[in-house]
Protein backbone atom coordinates (compact mmCIF):
# COMPACT_ATOMS: atom_id res chain seq x y z
CA MET A 1 -6.36 4.31 -0.76
CA THR A 2 -8.93 5.60 -3.21
CA SER A 3 -11.91 3.41 -3.96
CA THR A 4 -14.79 3.80 -6.31
CA VAL A 5 -18.12 3.46 -4.56
CA ILE A 6 -21.13 3.50 -6.81
CA ASP A 7 -24.24 4.79 -5.07
CA PRO A 8 -27.66 3.36 -5.93
CA THR A 9 -28.69 6.33 -8.04
CA ALA A 10 -25.58 5.86 -10.19
CA VAL A 11 -25.53 2.05 -10.51
CA THR A 12 -25.75 1.69 -14.26
CA ALA A 13 -24.03 -0.55 -16.76
CA ARG A 14 -21.78 2.39 -17.63
CA ALA A 15 -20.83 2.97 -13.97
CA LEU A 16 -19.93 -0.71 -13.55
CA ARG A 17 -17.68 -0.81 -16.64
CA PRO A 18 -14.41 0.01 -14.78
CA LEU A 19 -15.08 -2.85 -12.36
CA LEU A 20 -15.66 -5.55 -15.00
CA GLY A 21 -13.56 -8.64 -14.31
CA ARG A 22 -12.43 -7.33 -10.92
CA GLN A 23 -13.01 -8.54 -7.40
CA VAL A 24 -15.64 -6.29 -5.82
CA VAL A 25 -17.50 -5.88 -2.57
CA VAL A 26 -21.24 -5.66 -3.18
CA ARG A 27 -23.86 -4.40 -0.76
CA THR A 28 -27.59 -4.88 -1.20
CA ALA A 29 -30.32 -4.11 1.33
CA SER A 30 -30.11 -7.68 2.62
CA ALA A 31 -26.53 -8.82 2.00
CA LEU A 32 -22.85 -7.92 1.80
CA TRP A 33 -20.52 -10.14 -0.21
CA ARG A 34 -17.33 -10.27 -2.23
CA GLY A 35 -17.14 -11.65 -5.74
CA THR A 36 -16.11 -11.01 -9.33
CA LEU A 37 -18.16 -8.80 -11.63
CA LEU A 38 -18.48 -10.89 -14.79
CA SER A 39 -21.01 -9.01 -16.83
CA TYR A 40 -23.64 -6.31 -16.81
CA VAL A 41 -26.57 -5.46 -19.01
CA THR A 42 -29.36 -2.98 -18.79
CA GLY A 43 -31.09 -3.65 -15.51
CA ARG A 44 -28.85 -6.31 -13.94
CA ALA A 45 -25.31 -7.33 -13.03
CA TRP A 46 -23.80 -10.82 -12.97
CA PHE A 47 -21.29 -11.76 -10.29
CA VAL A 48 -19.56 -15.00 -9.28
CA VAL A 49 -19.32 -15.55 -5.53
CA ASP A 50 -17.59 -18.73 -4.30
CA ASP A 51 -18.24 -20.49 -7.66
CA VAL A 52 -21.93 -19.55 -7.59
CA ASP A 53 -23.49 -17.25 -10.20
CA VAL A 54 -25.39 -14.33 -8.69
CA VAL A 55 -27.54 -12.05 -10.85
CA VAL A 56 -28.68 -8.86 -9.15
CA PRO A 57 -31.04 -6.20 -10.50
CA LEU A 58 -29.16 -2.90 -10.61
CA GLY A 59 -31.89 -1.29 -8.52
CA ASP A 60 -31.09 -3.71 -5.65
CA LEU A 61 -27.44 -2.64 -5.47
CA VAL A 62 -26.67 -0.26 -2.61
CA SER A 63 -22.95 -0.03 -3.38
CA VAL A 64 -20.24 -1.71 -5.42
CA ARG A 65 -16.54 -1.06 -4.81
CA PRO A 66 -13.24 -2.72 -5.61
CA ALA A 67 -12.26 -5.39 -3.08
């Protein structure tokens, strides 16, 4: 299985585009969770995890990959 892992130096709105609307696994320095990537803008990404909105600064993302 091939997965797209976005490393922290490449986490940009453009890099997240293929994952928009998909279930993803997100890793930050302090957490690992699974949710849906709903939106992204310059500087932050918006996910829904268990019906809770989570907004994360792009700089805090360690990796994002399809679930």
